[in-house]
N, C-alpha and C. Protein backbone atom coordinates (compact mmCIF):
# COMPACT_ATOMS: atom_id res chain seq x y z
N MET A 1 1.08 -1.31 0.17
CA MET A 1 -0.14 0.06 0.12
C MET A 1 0.49 1.27 -0.06
N TYR A 2 2.29 1.63 0.69
CA TYR A 2 2.41 2.38 0.94
C TYR A 2 4.11 2.28 0.08
N PRO A 3 5.03 3.41 -0.58
CA PRO A 3 5.70 2.96 -1.34
C PRO A 3 7.40 1.97 -0.17
N ASP A 4 7.69 1.44 -0.50
CA ASP A 4 9.11 1.23 0.08
C ASP A 4 9.76 2.45 0.11
N THR A 5 10.21 2.98 1.31
CA THR A 5 11.21 3.74 1.55
C THR A 5 12.39 3.55 2.09
N THR A 6 13.05 2.07 1.56
CA THR A 6 14.34 2.07 2.10
C THR A 6 15.39 2.52 1.15
N PRO A 7 16.74 3.09 1.53
CA PRO A 7 17.39 3.19 0.61
C PRO A 7 17.33 2.65 -0.67
N ASP A 8 17.14 1.11 -0.82
CA ASP A 8 17.48 0.41 -2.55
C ASP A 8 16.31 0.93 -3.28
N SER A 9 15.18 2.00 -2.69
CA SER A 9 14.38 2.25 -3.44
C SER A 9 14.78 2.99 -4.70
N THR A 10 14.14 3.23 -5.95
CA THR A 10 14.29 3.55 -6.97
C THR A 10 13.62 5.13 -7.09
N LEU A 11 14.00 5.93 -7.75
CA LEU A 11 13.34 7.60 -7.98
C LEU A 11 13.43 7.34 -9.10
N SER A 12 11.67 7.53 -9.38
CA SER A 12 10.94 7.51 -11.03
C SER A 12 12.01 6.67 -11.73
N GLY A 13 12.22 5.41 -11.21
CA GLY A 13 12.50 3.85 -12.05
C GLY A 13 14.26 4.03 -12.09
N ILE A 14 14.57 4.96 -11.88
CA ILE A 14 16.02 4.99 -11.75
C ILE A 14 16.71 5.50 -10.60
N ARG A 15 17.99 4.38 -10.49
CA ARG A 15 18.14 3.92 -8.75
C ARG A 15 19.56 4.95 -8.75
N MET A 16 19.55 5.90 -7.57
CA MET A 16 20.55 6.66 -7.21
C MET A 16 21.73 5.68 -6.30
N SER A 17 23.09 6.26 -6.48
CA SER A 17 23.85 5.70 -5.42
C SER A 17 24.08 6.53 -4.21
N ASP A 18 24.35 6.12 -3.08
CA ASP A 18 24.63 6.91 -1.98
C ASP A 18 25.30 8.27 -2.15
N ASP A 19 26.24 8.14 -3.00
CA ASP A 19 27.26 9.56 -3.38
C ASP A 19 26.41 10.77 -4.05
N VAL A 20 25.89 10.31 -5.03
CA VAL A 20 24.92 11.14 -5.90
C VAL A 20 23.56 11.49 -4.86
N ALA A 21 23.06 10.67 -3.87
CA ALA A 21 21.99 11.19 -3.04
C ALA A 21 22.29 11.94 -2.24
N ALA A 22 23.56 11.83 -1.74
CA ALA A 22 23.92 13.25 -0.51
C ALA A 22 24.35 14.03 -1.40
N ALA A 23 25.03 13.96 -2.42
CA ALA A 23 24.89 15.25 -3.74
C ALA A 23 23.85 16.19 -3.59
N GLU A 24 22.88 15.40 -3.94
CA GLU A 24 21.66 16.00 -4.58
C GLU A 24 20.77 16.97 -3.20
N ALA A 25 21.06 15.92 -2.31
CA ALA A 25 20.52 16.44 -0.74
C ALA A 25 21.55 17.54 -0.41
N ALA A 26 22.89 17.43 -0.53
CA ALA A 26 23.39 18.92 -0.40
C ALA A 26 23.10 20.15 -1.16
N ARG A 27 22.62 20.03 -2.61
CA ARG A 27 22.28 20.95 -3.42
C ARG A 27 20.78 21.17 -3.21
N ILE A 28 20.04 20.51 -3.12
CA ILE A 28 18.47 20.82 -2.26
C ILE A 28 18.61 22.23 -0.86
N ILE A 29 19.69 21.68 -0.20
CA ILE A 29 19.99 22.28 1.08
C ILE A 29 20.39 23.82 0.68
N ALA A 30 21.53 23.40 -0.24
CA ALA A 30 22.08 24.62 -0.24
C ALA A 30 21.33 25.40 -1.44
N ASP A 31 20.19 25.23 -2.31
CA ASP A 31 19.28 26.16 -3.03
C ASP A 31 18.33 26.47 -1.68
N ALA A 32 17.66 25.90 -0.67
CA ALA A 32 16.61 26.27 0.09
C ALA A 32 17.30 27.67 1.25
N TYR A 33 18.63 27.42 1.63
CA TYR A 33 19.41 28.50 2.35
C TYR A 33 20.32 29.55 1.28
N LYS A 34 19.90 29.75 0.61
CA LYS A 34 20.79 30.36 -0.40
C LYS A 34 20.09 31.96 -0.13
N PRO A 35 21.03 33.04 0.03
CA PRO A 35 20.37 34.15 0.19
C PRO A 35 19.34 34.33 -1.11
N ALA A 36 18.12 35.59 -0.86
CA ALA A 36 17.04 35.62 -1.81
C ALA A 36 18.13 37.17 -2.51
N PRO A 37 17.82 37.04 -4.08
CA PRO A 37 18.34 38.11 -4.84
C PRO A 37 18.15 39.90 -4.16
N LYS A 38 18.98 40.36 -4.53
CA LYS A 38 18.81 41.94 -3.96
C LYS A 38 17.62 42.53 -4.57
N THR A 39 16.44 42.93 -3.61
CA THR A 39 15.60 43.95 -4.53
C THR A 39 15.96 45.06 -3.54
N PRO A 40 15.33 46.53 -4.27
CA PRO A 40 15.77 47.68 -3.72
C PRO A 40 14.60 47.83 -3.04
N THR A 41 14.57 48.29 -1.95
CA THR A 41 13.32 48.93 -0.88
C THR A 41 13.21 50.14 -0.84
N ALA A 42 14.33 51.27 -1.20
CA ALA A 42 13.89 52.45 -1.03
C ALA A 42 14.55 53.54 -2.86
N TYR A 43 14.62 54.49 -3.23
CA TYR A 43 14.97 54.99 -4.04
C TYR A 43 15.57 56.21 -3.74
N ARG A 44 16.75 56.06 -4.21
CA ARG A 44 17.61 57.44 -4.17
C ARG A 44 17.85 58.49 -5.02
N ASP A 45 17.01 59.36 -5.16
CA ASP A 45 17.20 60.38 -6.60
C ASP A 45 18.53 60.86 -6.35
N ASP A 46 19.29 60.64 -7.52
CA ASP A 46 20.71 61.41 -7.03
C ASP A 46 21.09 62.56 -8.18
N SER A 47 20.13 63.01 -8.85
CA SER A 47 19.49 64.26 -9.51
C SER A 47 20.31 65.35 -9.05
N PRO A 48 21.29 66.24 -9.32
CA PRO A 48 21.71 67.29 -8.95
C PRO A 48 20.59 68.39 -8.23
N LEU A 49 20.41 68.98 -7.70
CA LEU A 49 19.65 70.02 -6.37
C LEU A 49 20.67 71.47 -7.53
N PRO A 50 19.28 72.36 -7.52
CA PRO A 50 19.77 73.77 -7.60
C PRO A 50 20.71 74.39 -6.60
N ARG A 51 22.07 74.69 -7.33
CA ARG A 51 22.77 75.83 -5.88
C ARG A 51 21.48 77.05 -5.35
N PHE A 52 20.43 77.55 -5.76
CA PHE A 52 19.47 78.50 -5.10
C PHE A 52 18.63 77.86 -4.92
N GLY A 53 17.80 78.26 -4.33
CA GLY A 53 16.03 78.57 -4.54
C GLY A 53 15.21 77.37 -4.15
N ASP A 54 14.39 77.40 -4.53
CA ASP A 54 13.42 76.05 -4.46
C ASP A 54 13.69 75.07 -4.95
N THR A 55 13.69 73.96 -4.50
CA THR A 55 14.00 72.51 -5.27
C THR A 55 12.65 72.37 -5.94
N PRO A 56 12.53 71.82 -7.49
CA PRO A 56 11.77 71.32 -8.20
C PRO A 56 10.68 70.41 -7.79
N PRO A 57 9.31 70.74 -7.84
CA PRO A 57 8.22 69.90 -7.36
C PRO A 57 8.14 68.63 -8.00
N VAL A 58 8.07 67.64 -7.45
CA VAL A 58 7.58 66.44 -7.30
C VAL A 58 6.58 65.85 -7.73
N LEU A 59 6.16 65.08 -8.84
CA LEU A 59 4.70 64.49 -8.37
C LEU A 59 3.90 63.57 -7.56
N GLN A 60 3.57 63.82 -6.67
CA GLN A 60 3.17 62.82 -5.58
C GLN A 60 1.87 62.09 -5.95
N PRO A 61 1.15 61.59 -6.43
CA PRO A 61 -0.08 61.32 -6.39
C PRO A 61 -0.74 60.73 -5.15
N ASP A 62 -2.12 61.36 -4.93
CA ASP A 62 -2.88 61.24 -4.06
C ASP A 62 -4.08 59.91 -4.24
N ARG A 63 -3.75 58.93 -3.70
CA ARG A 63 -4.42 57.95 -3.87
C ARG A 63 -5.80 57.36 -2.83
N ARG A 64 -5.97 58.51 -1.59
CA ARG A 64 -6.83 57.93 -0.84
C ARG A 64 -8.45 58.42 -1.31
N ILE A 65 -8.88 57.48 -0.96
CA ILE A 65 -10.80 57.62 -1.44
C ILE A 65 -11.45 58.08 0.04
N VAL A 66 -12.18 58.77 -0.40
CA VAL A 66 -12.99 59.25 1.02
C VAL A 66 -14.29 59.32 0.59
N PRO A 67 -15.29 58.85 0.91
CA PRO A 67 -16.68 58.86 0.63
C PRO A 67 -17.52 60.17 0.99
N ALA A 68 -18.04 60.87 -0.01
CA ALA A 68 -18.82 61.74 0.60
C ALA A 68 -18.87 62.31 1.46
N TRP A 69 -20.03 60.90 2.46
CA TRP A 69 -20.51 60.77 3.49
C TRP A 69 -20.08 60.97 4.74
N ALA A 70 -18.68 60.30 4.31
CA ALA A 70 -17.63 60.49 5.36
C ALA A 70 -17.26 61.44 5.88
N ALA A 71 -16.74 62.12 4.52
CA ALA A 71 -16.27 63.76 4.37
C ALA A 71 -17.35 64.49 5.19
N GLY A 72 -18.62 64.54 4.77
CA GLY A 72 -19.26 65.43 5.70
C GLY A 72 -19.78 65.16 7.12
N THR A 73 -19.47 63.85 7.35
CA THR A 73 -19.99 63.03 8.89
C THR A 73 -18.45 64.27 9.51
N ALA A 74 -17.51 64.10 8.62
CA ALA A 74 -16.19 64.79 9.88
C ALA A 74 -16.22 66.65 9.78
N VAL A 75 -16.69 66.64 8.64
CA VAL A 75 -17.02 68.56 8.77
C VAL A 75 -18.23 68.65 9.81
N ALA A 76 -19.50 67.69 9.61
CA ALA A 76 -20.64 68.32 10.80
C ALA A 76 -19.74 67.81 12.04
N GLY A 77 -18.97 66.76 12.39
CA GLY A 77 -18.26 66.62 14.07
C GLY A 77 -17.63 67.53 14.16
N ILE A 78 -16.79 68.25 13.34
CA ILE A 78 -15.54 69.26 13.36
C ILE A 78 -16.85 70.43 14.15
N GLY A 79 -17.63 70.43 13.96
CA GLY A 79 -18.55 71.80 13.44
C GLY A 79 -19.48 72.01 15.19
N VAL A 80 -20.07 70.50 15.43
CA VAL A 80 -20.12 69.91 16.13
C VAL A 80 -20.04 70.67 17.73
N GLY A 81 -18.47 70.00 17.85
CA GLY A 81 -17.64 70.15 18.58
C GLY A 81 -16.89 71.41 19.29
N ALA A 82 -17.38 72.34 17.72
CA ALA A 82 -16.71 73.38 17.83
C ALA A 82 -17.91 74.69 18.48
N ALA A 83 -19.08 74.03 18.26
CA ALA A 83 -20.54 74.70 19.05
C ALA A 83 -20.49 74.32 20.60
N PHE A 84 -20.11 72.69 20.69
CA PHE A 84 -20.08 72.51 21.99
C PHE A 84 -19.11 73.26 23.04
N VAL A 85 -17.45 73.61 22.54
CA VAL A 85 -16.64 74.56 23.25
C VAL A 85 -16.93 75.61 23.61
N GLY A 86 -17.94 76.28 22.59
CA GLY A 86 -18.19 77.89 22.41
C GLY A 86 -19.13 77.81 23.48
N VAL A 87 -20.28 76.88 23.18
CA VAL A 87 -21.42 76.74 24.62
C VAL A 87 -20.65 76.46 26.16
N GLY A 88 -19.79 75.36 26.16
CA GLY A 88 -19.02 75.26 27.44
C GLY A 88 -18.27 76.44 28.06
N CYS A 89 -17.71 77.70 26.84
CA CYS A 89 -17.50 78.62 27.24
C CYS A 89 -17.95 79.53 27.81
N GLY A 90 -19.11 79.69 27.48
CA GLY A 90 -20.02 80.35 27.82
C GLY A 90 -20.33 80.24 29.09
N VAL A 91 -20.52 79.07 29.25
CA VAL A 91 -21.44 78.45 30.39
C VAL A 91 -20.17 78.58 31.67
N TRP A 92 -19.38 78.58 31.48
CA TRP A 92 -17.71 78.51 32.46
C TRP A 92 -17.82 80.22 32.87
N LEU A 93 -18.01 80.62 31.59
CA LEU A 93 -17.71 82.05 31.49
C LEU A 93 -18.78 82.69 33.03
N ALA A 94 -20.07 82.48 32.69
CA ALA A 94 -21.08 82.58 33.43
C ALA A 94 -20.92 82.34 35.10
N CYS A 95 -20.40 81.13 34.99
CA CYS A 95 -20.19 80.48 36.23
C CYS A 95 -18.92 81.14 37.13
N GLN A 96 -18.13 81.42 36.17
CA GLN A 96 -16.84 82.56 37.11
C GLN A 96 -17.55 83.78 37.42
N GLY A 97 -18.42 84.54 36.65
CA GLY A 97 -19.68 85.62 37.00
C GLY A 97 -20.42 85.48 38.00
N PHE A 98 -20.74 84.21 38.65
CA PHE A 98 -21.57 83.95 39.43
C PHE A 98 -21.12 84.42 40.74
N ALA A 99 -19.38 83.24 40.60
CA ALA A 99 -19.22 83.53 41.82
C ALA A 99 -17.97 84.50 42.31
N ALA A 100 -18.62 85.44 41.23
CA ALA A 100 -17.81 86.86 41.69
C ALA A 100 -18.15 87.90 42.12
N VAL A 101 -19.84 87.31 42.18
CA VAL A 101 -20.84 88.45 42.79
C VAL A 101 -20.06 89.48 43.83
N SER A 102 -20.53 90.63 43.51
CA SER A 102 -20.57 91.84 44.46
C SER A 102 -21.34 92.42 44.38
N LEU A 103 -21.58 93.59 45.60
CA LEU A 103 -22.39 94.51 45.04
C LEU A 103 -22.31 95.65 43.72
N THR A 104 -20.50 95.58 43.79
CA THR A 104 -20.49 96.55 42.35
C THR A 104 -20.97 95.90 40.66
N SER A 105 -20.62 94.58 41.19
CA SER A 105 -20.81 93.23 39.60
C SER A 105 -23.08 93.71 39.73
N VAL A 106 -23.53 93.78 40.99
CA VAL A 106 -25.04 93.34 40.99
C VAL A 106 -25.44 94.82 40.40
N LEU A 107 -25.04 96.17 40.75
CA LEU A 107 -25.31 97.45 40.27
C LEU A 107 -24.91 97.45 38.71
N PHE A 108 -23.92 96.95 38.55
CA PHE A 108 -23.11 97.28 37.04
C PHE A 108 -24.69 96.83 36.08
N VAL A 109 -24.98 95.37 36.32
CA VAL A 109 -26.30 94.49 35.56
C VAL A 109 -27.48 95.25 35.93
N THR A 110 -27.53 95.71 36.78
CA THR A 110 -29.21 95.64 37.34
C THR A 110 -29.63 97.15 36.71
N LEU A 111 -28.54 98.24 36.98
CA LEU A 111 -28.96 99.81 36.89
C LEU A 111 -29.37 99.88 35.43
N PRO A 112 -28.48 99.18 34.67
CA PRO A 112 -29.17 99.48 32.82
C PRO A 112 -30.81 99.46 32.62
N ILE A 113 -30.59 98.31 33.28
CA ILE A 113 -32.06 97.33 33.29
C ILE A 113 -33.20 98.03 33.80
N ALA A 114 -33.17 98.57 35.01
CA ALA A 114 -33.80 99.30 35.98
C ALA A 114 -34.00 101.07 35.32
N ALA A 115 -32.65 100.87 34.37
CA ALA A 115 -32.91 102.68 33.79
C ALA A 115 -33.91 102.30 32.28
N VAL A 116 -33.97 101.06 32.10
CA VAL A 116 -34.39 101.30 30.37
C VAL A 116 -35.98 101.06 30.90
N ALA A 117 -36.20 100.03 32.19
CA ALA A 117 -38.05 99.98 32.80
C ALA A 117 -38.53 101.09 33.19
N GLY A 118 -37.38 101.79 33.60
CA GLY A 118 -38.39 103.39 34.24
C GLY A 118 -38.28 104.42 32.88
N VAL A 119 -38.02 104.84 31.86
CA VAL A 119 -38.27 104.57 30.51
C VAL A 119 -39.54 104.36 29.96
N PHE A 120 -39.49 103.34 29.73
CA PHE A 120 -40.69 102.57 29.42
C PHE A 120 -42.16 102.84 30.12
N ALA A 121 -41.70 102.69 31.75
CA ALA A 121 -43.00 103.23 32.50
C ALA A 121 -43.03 104.87 32.37
N ALA A 122 -42.24 105.82 32.08
CA ALA A 122 -42.41 107.15 31.83
C ALA A 122 -43.55 107.25 30.55
N ILE A 123 -43.17 106.43 29.27
CA ILE A 123 -43.34 106.51 28.52
C ILE A 123 -45.23 106.09 28.70
N GLY A 124 -45.08 105.30 28.85
CA GLY A 124 -46.44 104.19 29.44
C GLY A 124 -47.52 105.90 30.02
N THR A 125 -47.34 106.13 30.97
CA THR A 125 -47.86 107.06 32.10
C THR A 125 -48.12 108.37 30.92
N ALA A 126 -46.77 108.37 30.07
CA ALA A 126 -47.58 109.82 29.27
C ALA A 126 -48.12 109.26 28.00
N LEU A 127 -48.56 108.27 28.00
CA LEU A 127 -49.34 108.13 26.67
C LEU A 127 -50.72 108.05 27.36
N ARG A 128 -50.68 107.15 28.87
CA ARG A 128 -51.98 107.35 29.60
C ARG A 128 -52.58 108.62 29.83
N SER A 129 -51.78 109.53 30.16
CA SER A 129 -52.29 110.94 30.12
C SER A 129 -52.56 111.70 28.93
N LEU A 130 -52.50 111.41 27.96
CA LEU A 130 -52.58 112.17 26.26
C LEU A 130 -54.11 111.65 25.77
N ARG A 131 -54.64 110.20 26.52
CA ARG A 131 -55.85 109.84 26.17
C ARG A 131 -56.55 110.57 26.84
N GLY A 132 -56.92 111.35 27.55
CA GLY A 132 -57.97 112.15 28.14
C GLY A 132 -58.37 111.29 29.65
N VAL A 133 -58.92 112.15 29.80
CA VAL A 133 -60.23 111.50 31.31
C VAL A 133 -61.59 111.44 30.62
N HIS A 134 -61.92 110.07 30.99
CA HIS A 134 -63.34 109.66 30.65
C HIS A 134 -63.69 109.39 31.46
N THR A 135 -65.17 110.65 31.82
CA THR A 135 -66.20 111.28 32.18
C THR A 135 -67.49 110.19 32.54
N GLU A 136 -67.79 109.94 31.29
CA GLU A 136 -69.08 109.47 30.91
C GLU A 136 -69.25 108.05 31.82
N THR A 137 -70.72 107.87 31.94
CA THR A 137 -70.37 106.61 33.22
C THR A 137 -71.79 105.49 31.94
N HIS A 138 -71.31 103.94 31.55
CA HIS A 138 -71.44 103.47 30.61
C HIS A 138 -72.16 102.32 31.46
N HIS A 139 -73.24 101.71 31.37
CA HIS A 139 -74.00 100.99 32.35
C HIS A 139 -74.05 99.68 30.81
N HIS A 140 -73.79 98.62 31.36
CA HIS A 140 -73.76 97.46 30.31
C HIS A 140 -74.84 96.45 29.98
N TYR A 141 -75.52 96.80 31.68
CA TYR A 141 -76.89 95.87 31.72
C TYR A 141 -77.87 96.62 32.21
N ARG A 142 -78.84 96.24 31.70
CA ARG A 142 -80.28 96.97 31.74
C ARG A 142 -81.28 95.81 32.49
N GLY A 143 -82.07 96.82 33.04
CA GLY A 143 -82.83 95.67 33.82
C GLY A 143 -82.88 95.89 34.99
N PRO A 144 -84.26 95.04 35.93
CA PRO A 144 -83.83 94.86 37.28
C PRO A 144 -83.07 94.29 38.18
N VAL A 145 -82.81 94.53 38.75
CA VAL A 145 -81.55 94.39 39.88
C VAL A 145 -81.81 93.60 41.36
N ARG A 146 -81.32 92.50 41.55
CA ARG A 146 -81.47 92.17 42.53
C ARG A 146 -80.61 91.85 43.74
N GLN A 147 -81.23 92.13 44.89
CA GLN A 147 -80.02 91.68 45.72
C GLN A 147 -80.20 90.19 46.86
N GLU A 148 -79.40 89.67 46.81
CA GLU A 148 -79.33 88.72 48.04
C GLU A 148 -77.85 88.86 48.85
N ASN A 149 -78.36 88.59 49.99
CA ASN A 149 -77.56 88.48 51.79
C ASN A 149 -77.19 87.11 51.46
N THR A 150 -76.32 86.77 51.49
CA THR A 150 -76.20 84.85 52.40
C THR A 150 -74.95 84.94 53.39
N THR A 151 -75.36 84.25 54.24
CA THR A 151 -75.01 83.84 55.65
C THR A 151 -74.30 82.59 55.48
N THR A 152 -73.21 82.16 55.59
CA THR A 152 -72.41 81.09 55.74
C THR A 152 -72.07 80.37 57.16
N LYS A 153 -72.33 80.01 57.54
CA LYS A 153 -71.49 79.00 59.02
C LYS A 153 -70.82 77.54 58.68
N THR A 154 -69.58 77.62 58.96
CA THR A 154 -68.85 76.37 58.78
C THR A 154 -68.49 75.61 60.23
N TYR A 155 -68.77 74.46 60.82
CA TYR A 155 -68.54 74.04 61.77
C TYR A 155 -68.41 72.21 61.90
N GLY A 156 -67.77 71.81 62.19
CA GLY A 156 -67.78 70.24 62.89
C GLY A 156 -66.11 69.71 62.57
N LEU A 157 -65.65 68.55 62.76
CA LEU A 157 -64.31 68.49 62.53
C LEU A 157 -64.07 68.45 61.20
N ILE A 158 -64.85 68.02 60.27
CA ILE A 158 -64.62 67.90 58.91
C ILE A 158 -65.86 68.95 58.62
N ALA A 159 -64.97 70.01 58.35
CA ALA A 159 -65.94 71.27 57.89
C ALA A 159 -67.22 70.77 56.96
N ARG A 160 -68.26 71.23 57.72
CA ARG A 160 -69.54 71.54 56.60
C ARG A 160 -70.25 72.76 56.95
N THR A 161 -69.95 73.05 55.28
CA THR A 161 -70.87 74.62 55.18
C THR A 161 -72.35 74.53 55.01
N ASN A 162 -73.08 75.33 55.83
CA ASN A 162 -74.19 75.69 55.25
C ASN A 162 -74.27 77.13 55.13
N ASN A 163 -75.10 77.13 53.62
CA ASN A 163 -75.48 78.77 53.42
C ASN A 163 -76.71 78.96 53.29
N GLU A 164 -77.44 80.28 54.30
CA GLU A 164 -78.61 80.28 54.54
C GLU A 164 -78.54 81.72 53.33
N HIS A 165 -79.60 81.67 52.62
CA HIS A 165 -80.11 83.38 52.22
C HIS A 165 -80.91 83.64 52.56
N ASN A 166 -80.68 85.15 52.55
CA ASN A 166 -81.94 86.07 53.40
C ASN A 166 -82.27 87.22 51.57
N GLY A 167 -83.68 87.08 51.58
CA GLY A 167 -83.49 87.86 50.66
C GLY A 167 -84.66 88.58 50.35
């Protein structure tokens, strides 16, 4: 079932002597451990550079492929991040202001607001006085008037109310 592996076996029908087999084995081992051929891993441009001025441009193709949705997401992320930084700075500044509350700072903030409110109140008062005095009495309802008096009494542990009508 398995081929005979004794030294007397033949390889492709040809019998090898021990010397030829040892030489062939040495050749196979030498081929396996022979150094690889020298292949360049870097390129050095030895062309002469100009004595002064800029180096001439060299074409460097860009092969990056970025999908439009990824670029849009990146730009949106940068915008949202910048917005949150701005909001955070505003909150920090407001907290710093609240921490440094003094009479001077409170007056500095509230006096202009009070001045504007006073100006609006003065304008409203002036406009009200320009409308004139309304002296006529105007009744919306016509007809008989009935007056009733109601007496309310509340008593007991749980409040109970009794109303009595007098009229």
